[in-house]
Amino acid sequence: MRALRIALVAPVHEACPPPGYGGIELVVSLLAEGLWRRGHLVTLFATGDSVTPAELRWTEPTALRKRRLPPGESLAAEIIHVKKAFAAAREFDIIHNHTGISGIAMAGLVKTPVLSTLHGPFTLENAPFFAAMSDHPYVAISRAQQDLAPSSLRVVGVVYNGVDTAGFRQHTEPGQLVPPELWGRGLLFLGRVSREKGTHLACQVARRCGLPLTIAGKIDAVDERYWKEEVQPHVDGRQIRYIGEVGGDRKREVLAGSLALLHPVQWPEPFGLVMIEAMACGTPVIALCDGSIPEVVDDQVTGYVCDDVDQMVEAVGRIESLDRQTIRDVCRVRFDASAMVDGYLSLYEALIADSLRLASTREA
């Protein structure tokens, strides 16, 4: 395959990779590195504090989340960021947009083919936008997400998010950052503390099982009331503890040192990156069946897909029947970042070829 000139346009809410929470930015970071390692000419449009082997271009020196800008200022900053990328469109064979609406809206202004990954849900609010932009090429991150897309939307493929499986370790002894009394028998909730993620249900499962639960994740301003009213009362520092947001090595240690990851989502989640991060450590996932969950979790192999909290409690009692090495092996085959790179490269080649054929037809 010839070397492609690829522009990856990331959001500017977090750096690439993010130091803590930030699924989209982590995926874009892994994609940039994977494409670069294969010899492609990759330009990453992200924040100035991002770290990448690719060429980095930026308008925002640091992640917007650090600066806590008002929504209007954040939107303006993102548009300026996206505009910089599209202004350089002639330099690239393809532009891969991960910013959502901002990038999609500008795609028709350039001749370079643009592919947009759908990272979020379809809602009543964004339905008119997608109806107006239905002929733009999109890629879904799960078949479940693709099934929820408007029938008129041009979804050209499904590419699962990937994880650097080599960077995650499976522990056979207590991890240094996990208290020995919790290793191998404590449950974990990792992610944004919110009703949509079902943090309160994770607390219920832990209490009913009589097992320790570690809650690790960020609390956004919009979720502070939920935290104070429905989660914090359960946090006693003994059976249930909150350790804040974790990233990097600490996140890997916490994942690897847990009996299971609880993922009781309350919405049709398009993917759920934390699930495959847990699997990369050999840690099973116990999740509620919604959205992409049954697509990502192999029931009774890499975890358990449950219908309600009662089934989650029952699944905890059967967790020892799952083989952690098998979980890690399955994750390596299905969700390693290399598979994600393969998927996107195939779509890039197809879109570039279509663009060249269309240009040739117009000239004729």
Protein backbone atom coordinates (compact mmCIF):
# COMPACT_ATOMS: atom_id res chain seq x y z
CA MET A 1 0.00 0.00 0.00
CA ARG A 2 1.31 3.44 -0.91
CA ALA A 3 1.90 6.00 1.81
CA LEU A 4 -1.23 8.10 2.31
CA ARG A 5 -1.32 11.71 3.45
CA ILE A 6 -3.85 11.52 6.27
CA ALA A 7 -5.28 14.30 8.43
CA LEU A 8 -6.82 13.20 11.72
CA VAL A 9 -8.98 15.87 13.33
CA ALA A 10 -9.49 15.26 17.04
CA PRO A 11 -11.71 17.14 19.49
CA VAL A 12 -9.98 19.75 21.63
CA HIS A 13 -11.75 18.99 24.90
CA GLU A 14 -8.88 16.69 25.91
CA ALA A 15 -5.29 16.17 24.81
CA CYS A 16 -4.28 13.20 22.65
CA PRO A 17 -3.81 10.94 24.50
CA PRO A 18 -5.82 12.18 27.48
CA PRO A 19 -4.17 11.96 30.92
CA GLY A 20 -7.42 10.60 32.36
CA TYR A 21 -10.93 10.30 30.97
CA GLY A 22 -11.32 10.88 27.22
CA GLY A 23 -12.31 7.97 25.02
CA ILE A 24 -12.39 9.72 21.64
CA GLU A 25 -9.01 11.36 22.13
CA LEU A 26 -7.47 8.05 23.20
CA VAL A 27 -8.81 6.29 20.12
CA VAL A 28 -7.53 9.05 17.81
CA SER A 29 -4.13 8.95 19.50
CA LEU A 30 -3.82 5.18 18.97
CA LEU A 31 -4.98 5.54 15.37
CA ALA A 32 -2.43 8.27 14.65
CA GLU A 33 0.41 6.19 16.06
CA GLY A 34 -0.72 3.04 14.28
CA LEU A 35 -0.97 4.76 10.90
CA TRP A 36 2.39 6.47 11.44
CA ARG A 37 4.09 3.16 12.28
CA ARG A 38 2.86 1.77 8.98
CA GLY A 39 4.64 4.50 7.09
CA HIS A 40 1.76 6.85 6.33
CA LEU A 41 2.17 10.62 6.47
CA VAL A 42 -0.08 11.49 9.38
CA THR A 43 -0.96 14.98 10.58
CA LEU A 44 -2.84 15.15 13.86
CA PHE A 45 -4.95 18.25 14.50
CA ALA A 46 -5.34 18.30 18.27
CA THR A 47 -4.40 20.40 21.30
CA GLY A 48 -0.87 21.72 21.69
CA ASP A 49 -0.26 19.58 24.78
CA SER A 50 -0.88 16.37 22.80
CA VAL A 51 1.92 13.82 22.38
CA THR A 52 2.25 11.94 19.09
CA PRO A 53 4.89 10.66 16.68
CA ALA A 54 2.83 12.19 13.85
CA GLU A 55 3.03 15.83 12.82
CA LEU A 56 1.04 17.86 15.33
CA ARG A 57 -0.84 21.03 14.41
CA TRP A 58 -2.89 23.03 16.88
CA THR A 59 -4.80 26.21 17.55
CA GLU A 60 -5.54 25.52 21.22
CA PRO A 61 -2.36 25.21 23.34
CA THR A 62 -4.02 23.10 26.03
CA ALA A 63 -7.11 20.94 26.43
CA LEU A 64 -10.28 22.99 26.83
CA ARG A 65 -11.33 20.95 29.82
CA LYS A 66 -8.41 22.36 31.80
CA ARG A 67 -9.62 25.89 31.14
CA ARG A 68 -13.32 25.33 31.88
CA LEU A 69 -14.52 27.67 29.15
CA PRO A 70 -18.23 28.55 28.84
CA PRO A 71 -20.07 26.44 26.21
CA GLY A 72 -20.10 29.29 23.66
CA GLU A 73 -16.36 29.84 23.89
CA SER A 74 -15.69 26.11 23.71
CA LEU A 75 -17.76 25.79 20.54
CA ALA A 76 -15.97 28.75 18.97
CA ALA A 77 -12.59 27.24 19.84
CA GLU A 78 -13.57 23.92 18.28
CA ILE A 79 -14.79 25.56 15.07
CA ILE A 80 -11.54 27.53 14.71
CA HIS A 81 -9.62 24.29 15.31
CA VAL A 82 -11.60 22.39 12.66
CA LYS A 83 -11.34 25.26 10.20
CA LYS A 84 -7.53 25.13 10.43
CA ALA A 85 -7.58 21.47 9.44
CA PHE A 86 -9.96 21.93 6.51
CA ALA A 87 -8.07 24.99 5.27
CA ALA A 88 -5.15 22.64 4.63
CA ALA A 89 -7.30 20.06 2.81
CA ARG A 90 -5.23 20.14 -0.40
CA GLU A 91 -2.25 18.75 1.52
CA PHE A 92 -4.02 15.46 2.23
CA ASP A 93 -5.42 12.43 0.45
CA ILE A 94 -8.12 12.11 3.09
CA ILE A 95 -9.40 13.90 6.19
CA HIS A 96 -10.68 11.76 9.03
CA ASN A 97 -13.01 13.79 11.23
CA HIS A 98 -13.60 12.85 14.87
CA THR A 99 -15.15 16.16 15.99
CA GLY A 100 -18.71 15.37 15.00
CA ILE A 101 -20.96 18.12 13.70
CA SER A 102 -18.27 20.80 13.26
CA GLY A 103 -16.23 18.69 10.86
CA ILE A 104 -19.22 17.21 9.06
CA ALA A 105 -20.57 20.69 8.33
CA MET A 106 -17.30 21.72 6.65
CA ALA A 107 -16.79 18.52 4.65
CA GLY A 108 -18.72 19.76 1.62
CA LEU A 109 -16.46 22.83 1.31
CA VAL A 110 -13.37 20.85 0.27
CA LYS A 111 -12.56 18.48 -2.58
CA THR A 112 -10.50 16.14 -0.41
CA PRO A 113 -12.61 13.16 0.71
CA VAL A 114 -13.72 13.38 4.34
CA LEU A 115 -14.72 10.46 6.55
CA SER A 116 -16.44 11.06 9.90
CA THR A 117 -16.53 8.57 12.74
CA LEU A 118 -19.78 8.57 14.70
CA HIS A 119 -18.73 8.61 18.34
CA GLY A 120 -22.02 9.74 19.88
CA PRO A 121 -25.71 8.88 19.93
CA PHE A 122 -28.53 9.88 17.60
CA THR A 123 -30.99 12.18 19.33
CA LEU A 124 -34.06 14.22 18.51
CA GLU A 125 -31.89 17.32 18.71
CA ASN A 126 -29.34 16.22 16.11
CA ALA A 127 -31.81 14.41 13.82
CA PRO A 128 -32.40 17.47 11.55
CA PHE A 129 -28.64 17.89 11.11
CA PHE A 130 -28.04 14.29 10.07
CA ALA A 131 -31.06 14.44 7.76
CA ALA A 132 -29.46 17.40 5.98
CA MET A 133 -26.03 15.70 5.85
CA SER A 134 -27.12 12.16 5.04
CA ASP A 135 -24.90 11.73 1.97
CA HIS A 136 -21.67 12.36 3.88
CA PRO A 137 -19.65 9.13 4.46
CA TYR A 138 -19.81 7.95 8.07
CA VAL A 139 -18.29 5.05 9.95
CA ALA A 140 -20.02 3.52 12.96
CA ILE A 141 -18.12 2.13 15.95
CA SER A 142 -20.53 -0.78 16.41
CA ARG A 143 -23.30 -2.51 14.51
CA ALA A 144 -25.68 -1.48 17.26
CA GLN A 145 -24.89 2.16 16.56
CA GLN A 146 -25.28 1.56 12.83
CA ASP A 147 -28.71 -0.01 13.42
CA LEU A 148 -29.85 3.12 15.28
CA ALA A 149 -28.72 5.45 12.48
CA PRO A 150 -31.36 7.05 10.24
CA SER A 151 -31.95 4.82 7.23
CA SER A 152 -30.92 7.64 4.87
CA LEU A 153 -27.49 8.01 6.50
CA ARG A 154 -24.55 6.86 4.39
CA VAL A 155 -22.70 4.55 6.77
CA VAL A 156 -19.81 3.07 4.77
CA GLY A 157 -18.56 0.67 7.42
CA VAL A 158 -18.20 -0.39 11.03
CA VAL A 159 -14.83 -0.16 12.76
CA TYR A 160 -14.54 -1.08 16.41
CA ASN A 161 -12.52 1.13 18.71
CA GLY A 162 -9.15 -0.36 19.54
CA VAL A 163 -6.85 -0.63 22.52
CA ASP A 164 -3.10 -1.08 22.85
CA THR A 165 -3.34 -4.61 24.25
CA ALA A 166 0.44 -4.85 24.61
CA GLY A 167 0.34 -1.92 27.00
CA PHE A 168 -2.03 -3.69 29.40
CA ARG A 169 -0.78 -6.40 31.74
CA GLN A 170 -2.55 -9.35 33.27
CA HIS A 171 -1.57 -9.68 36.91
CA THR A 172 -1.14 -12.97 38.72
CA GLU A 173 -0.18 -11.18 41.90
CA PRO A 174 -1.29 -7.93 43.52
CA GLY A 175 -0.55 -4.77 41.54
CA GLN A 176 1.55 -2.13 43.26
CA LEU A 177 -1.18 0.48 43.10
CA VAL A 178 -3.99 -1.78 44.28
CA PRO A 179 -4.32 -2.54 48.00
CA PRO A 180 -3.57 -6.28 48.49
CA GLU A 181 -6.82 -6.78 50.42
CA LEU A 182 -8.78 -5.67 47.34
CA TRP A 183 -6.79 -7.48 44.65
CA GLY A 184 -8.60 -10.31 42.94
CA ARG A 185 -11.86 -9.89 44.86
CA GLY A 186 -12.81 -6.23 44.57
CA LEU A 187 -15.22 -4.91 41.97
CA LEU A 188 -14.55 -1.83 39.88
CA PHE A 189 -16.58 0.94 38.28
CA LEU A 190 -14.43 3.03 35.94
CA GLY A 191 -15.75 5.90 33.84
CA ARG A 192 -17.75 9.07 34.08
CA VAL A 193 -19.82 9.10 37.26
CA SER A 194 -23.30 9.67 35.88
CA ARG A 195 -26.80 8.23 35.72
CA GLU A 196 -26.20 7.15 32.10
CA LYS A 197 -23.23 5.05 33.23
CA GLY A 198 -25.21 3.60 36.14
CA THR A 199 -22.75 4.27 38.96
CA HIS A 200 -25.52 3.94 41.56
CA LEU A 201 -26.34 0.47 40.25
CA ALA A 202 -22.71 -0.59 40.64
CA CYS A 203 -23.03 0.38 44.31
CA GLN A 204 -26.15 -1.75 44.62
CA VAL A 205 -24.42 -4.77 43.11
CA ALA A 206 -21.41 -4.44 45.40
CA ARG A 207 -23.53 -4.10 48.55
CA ARG A 208 -25.69 -7.09 47.66
CA CYS A 209 -22.61 -9.20 46.95
CA GLY A 210 -20.82 -8.02 50.07
CA LEU A 211 -17.73 -7.16 48.03
CA PRO A 212 -15.55 -4.04 47.93
CA LEU A 213 -16.17 -1.59 45.09
CA THR A 214 -13.71 0.98 43.80
CA ILE A 215 -15.25 3.89 41.87
CA ALA A 216 -12.74 5.60 39.59
CA GLY A 217 -13.76 8.39 37.25
CA LYS A 218 -14.50 12.03 36.71
CA ILE A 219 -17.53 13.94 37.95
CA ASP A 220 -18.68 16.62 35.55
CA ALA A 221 -20.50 19.69 36.83
CA VAL A 222 -23.74 18.49 35.26
CA ASP A 223 -23.49 15.25 37.28
CA GLU A 224 -22.61 16.74 40.68
CA ARG A 225 -26.19 16.55 41.99
CA TYR A 226 -26.46 12.93 40.92
CA TRP A 227 -23.17 12.18 42.68
CA LYS A 228 -24.19 13.88 45.91
CA GLU A 229 -27.68 12.40 46.07
CA GLU A 230 -27.34 8.90 44.63
CA VAL A 231 -23.71 7.79 44.83
CA GLN A 232 -21.81 9.63 47.54
CA PRO A 233 -24.09 8.35 50.36
CA HIS A 234 -22.86 4.82 49.54
CA VAL A 235 -19.19 5.79 49.68
CA ASP A 236 -17.89 4.86 53.14
CA GLY A 237 -14.18 4.56 52.36
CA ARG A 238 -14.22 0.89 53.33
CA GLN A 239 -16.53 -1.28 51.26
CA ILE A 240 -17.14 1.43 48.66
CA ARG A 241 -14.45 4.00 47.95
CA TYR A 242 -14.01 6.76 45.40
CA ILE A 243 -10.46 7.34 44.16
CA GLY A 244 -11.12 10.05 41.57
CA GLU A 245 -10.09 10.05 37.95
CA VAL A 246 -7.30 7.66 36.93
CA GLY A 247 -5.24 7.35 33.78
CA GLY A 248 -2.08 5.79 32.41
CA ASP A 249 -0.35 3.15 34.52
CA ARG A 250 -2.65 3.69 37.48
CA LYS A 251 -5.71 2.94 35.37
CA ARG A 252 -4.09 -0.24 34.06
CA GLU A 253 -3.19 -1.38 37.57
CA VAL A 254 -6.68 -0.75 38.90
CA LEU A 255 -8.25 -2.62 35.98
CA ALA A 256 -5.89 -5.57 36.22
CA GLY A 257 -6.26 -5.82 39.99
CA SER A 258 -10.04 -6.13 40.04
CA LEU A 259 -12.25 -9.16 40.21
CA ALA A 260 -14.54 -7.70 37.55
CA LEU A 261 -15.53 -4.44 35.90
CA LEU A 262 -19.15 -3.44 36.48
CA HIS A 263 -20.67 -1.61 33.52
CA PRO A 264 -24.38 -1.06 34.25
CA VAL A 265 -25.08 1.44 31.47
CA GLN A 266 -28.51 3.04 31.25
CA TRP A 267 -28.44 4.11 27.61
CA PRO A 268 -27.67 2.52 24.21
CA GLU A 269 -23.93 3.08 24.44
CA PRO A 270 -22.29 3.03 20.99
CA PHE A 271 -19.20 1.18 22.24
CA GLY A 272 -17.70 1.55 25.75
CA LEU A 273 -13.91 1.71 25.56
CA VAL A 274 -13.39 0.82 29.22
CA MET A 275 -14.79 -2.65 28.60
CA ILE A 276 -12.05 -3.63 26.17
CA GLU A 277 -9.43 -1.99 28.40
CA ALA A 278 -10.57 -4.33 31.17
CA MET A 279 -10.51 -7.31 28.82
CA ALA A 280 -6.97 -6.41 27.72
CA CYS A 281 -5.97 -7.06 31.35
CA GLY A 282 -7.90 -10.32 31.45
CA THR A 283 -10.51 -8.74 33.72
CA PRO A 284 -14.08 -9.86 32.97
CA VAL A 285 -16.91 -7.40 32.36
CA ILE A 286 -20.36 -7.63 33.92
CA ALA A 287 -22.66 -5.28 32.00
CA LEU A 288 -26.31 -4.53 31.42
CA CYS A 289 -27.59 -5.37 27.96
CA ASP A 290 -28.03 -2.14 26.03
CA GLY A 291 -26.59 -0.69 22.84
CA SER A 292 -23.33 -2.33 21.82
CA ILE A 293 -22.86 -4.34 25.05
CA PRO A 294 -23.76 -7.80 23.66
CA GLU A 295 -21.60 -7.03 20.63
CA VAL A 296 -18.51 -6.15 22.67
CA VAL A 297 -18.85 -8.63 25.55
CA ASP A 298 -18.86 -12.33 24.61
CA ASP A 299 -21.36 -13.63 27.14
CA GLN A 300 -19.87 -16.33 29.39
CA VAL A 301 -16.47 -15.90 27.70
CA THR A 302 -15.19 -12.38 28.37
CA GLY A 303 -17.89 -11.55 30.91
CA TYR A 304 -21.63 -11.62 31.42
CA VAL A 305 -24.36 -9.68 29.63
CA CYS A 306 -27.23 -9.14 32.06
CA ASP A 307 -30.80 -7.89 31.88
CA ASP A 308 -30.99 -6.37 35.37
CA VAL A 309 -29.19 -5.88 38.68
CA ASP A 310 -30.37 -9.28 39.95
CA GLN A 311 -28.57 -10.98 37.07
CA MET A 312 -25.46 -8.85 37.68
CA VAL A 313 -25.36 -10.03 41.29
CA GLU A 314 -25.71 -13.63 40.13
CA ALA A 315 -22.96 -13.10 37.55
CA VAL A 316 -20.52 -11.92 40.22
CA GLY A 317 -20.99 -15.28 41.91
CA ARG A 318 -19.99 -17.06 38.68
CA ILE A 319 -17.04 -14.84 37.77
CA GLU A 320 -14.41 -17.38 38.82
CA SER A 321 -15.58 -19.72 36.05
CA LEU A 322 -14.17 -17.36 33.42
CA ASP A 323 -10.55 -17.74 32.32
CA ARG A 324 -8.62 -14.48 32.45
CA GLN A 325 -6.07 -15.57 29.85
CA THR A 326 -8.87 -16.42 27.42
CA ILE A 327 -10.41 -12.99 28.01
CA ARG A 328 -7.12 -11.31 27.17
CA ASP A 329 -6.59 -13.48 24.09
CA VAL A 330 -10.07 -12.72 22.74
CA CYS A 331 -9.50 -9.01 23.26
CA ARG A 332 -6.18 -9.16 21.44
CA VAL A 333 -7.83 -10.74 18.39
CA ARG A 334 -10.98 -8.59 18.27
CA PHE A 335 -10.00 -5.22 19.67
CA ASP A 336 -6.29 -4.60 19.33
CA ALA A 337 -5.51 -1.19 17.85
CA SER A 338 -3.96 -2.88 14.81
CA ALA A 339 -7.40 -4.21 13.80
CA MET A 340 -8.80 -0.67 14.07
CA VAL A 341 -6.00 0.64 11.83
CA ASP A 342 -6.69 -2.11 9.28
CA GLY A 343 -10.38 -1.21 9.21
CA TYR A 344 -9.83 2.49 8.68
CA LEU A 345 -7.15 2.00 6.04
CA SER A 346 -9.57 -0.10 3.98
CA LEU A 347 -12.16 2.67 4.17
CA TYR A 348 -9.59 5.36 3.32
CA GLU A 349 -8.52 3.50 0.18
CA ALA A 350 -12.11 2.97 -0.94
CA LEU A 351 -13.12 6.62 -0.41
CA ILE A 352 -10.00 7.93 -2.14
CA ALA A 353 -10.62 5.62 -5.11
CA ASP A 354 -14.26 6.75 -5.32
CA SER A 355 -13.16 10.40 -5.22
CA LEU A 356 -10.65 9.86 -8.03
CA ARG A 357 -13.24 8.07 -10.19
CA LEU A 358 -15.74 10.86 -9.64
CA ALA A 359 -13.16 13.51 -10.53
CA SER A 360 -12.21 11.57 -13.65
CA THR A 361 -15.86 11.32 -14.71
CA ARG A 362 -16.36 15.04 -14.29
CA GLU A 363 -13.29 15.84 -16.40
CA ALA A 364 -14.51 13.50 -19.14
